Amino acid sequence: MKKGLIYTIITAIAFVTFEPVSKLIAGSVSPFGIAFWRFILGALLLCPFAIIKVKKDGMHIKAKDWMMMAGLGVLFICISMTALQFAVGLADNPALIAIIFSANSVTTILFAMLILREKMTANKGIAVILGVIGIAICADFKTGENLSAVLLAVVSALTFSIYTVLCRKYTKHLGAAVQTTGSFLLGSIVLLVVLLIGRQDIIPEMNTENVLVMLYIGLFVTGIGYWSYFRAMEKGGTIMASLAFFIKPVLTPFATFAINGIVPDLKVFVAVLFIVGGSYFAVYKKDKKVR
């Protein structure tokens, strides 16, 4: 349990800093470029761990598994994470985007009901209500850009929830490390092909800030962040790993202030209360079958 908590803290630190740090280069690197480099670097860092897992378990990955991981990678990287990156670029305050995205544990309930046929419970109903209220509080209708950022963040959270549920349904037998590495790698390759066909510029301007930020969000946030997430799940179970998504909305306003100099207003903290509360009810179970 102690090791699980250490890995959870590492995961939370990595995930908390993503939106504020990526905001630093949002004006000079395209959202497509950030998404591609972030996940190709993360995939390369995770590859050795996935290969070790495959060899250790004597795993045989079938053609349909590769196709499924490719499809999940497209959903996750090309749609969900690209939408999140556009949202960060448009938003005045990246902390609001991080808080909205953290509601994905709540929206996962709805898709688990539709796809996995899971039953609605009182706790899940409360989670959905609190999550919707939290997102509504984050919404800023003052300008079209702010509204667009909120809508893109919601799309990102929803598609990430679909990705999570489909992983549980179709690739659970591969294990989190193998499935995630495969999805990251194949999704990044598909995104690269699409961007090359569309003649989109994915090469960032080679200055010190851009290079350092890309390395940070690719290797630390994505690579080490997801690796520590897997380890937290192995050592402490699903609930222990999910703590990272409780910590993220709480700390992101402070990280945004430290990195971007944006002072959080009252609605940020009010939204955090609802999102964290909704996330708690989303994962809370009376029994101990959480692994």
Foldseek 3Di string as FASTA:
>chain_A
DVLLLVLLVLLLVLLLQQLLLLLVCPVFAPLLLLLLLQLQLQLVLLVVVLVVVCVVVVDDQDPVLLVLLLVLLQLQRVQQSSLLSLLSNLAPFSLLLLLLLLLLLLLLVVVCCVPVVDDDDPLSVLLNVLSVVLLVLSQDPPDPSSNSSSVSSNRNSNSVSVSVNVCVVPVVVSPDSNSSSSSSNSSSVVSVVVCVVVVHDNDTDDDPSVVVSSCSSRCRSNNSSVVSLSVSCVVPNDVSSSVSSLSNSVCNQVSNCVRVVDHDDPSSVVSSVSSSSSSCSSQDDPDDPRD
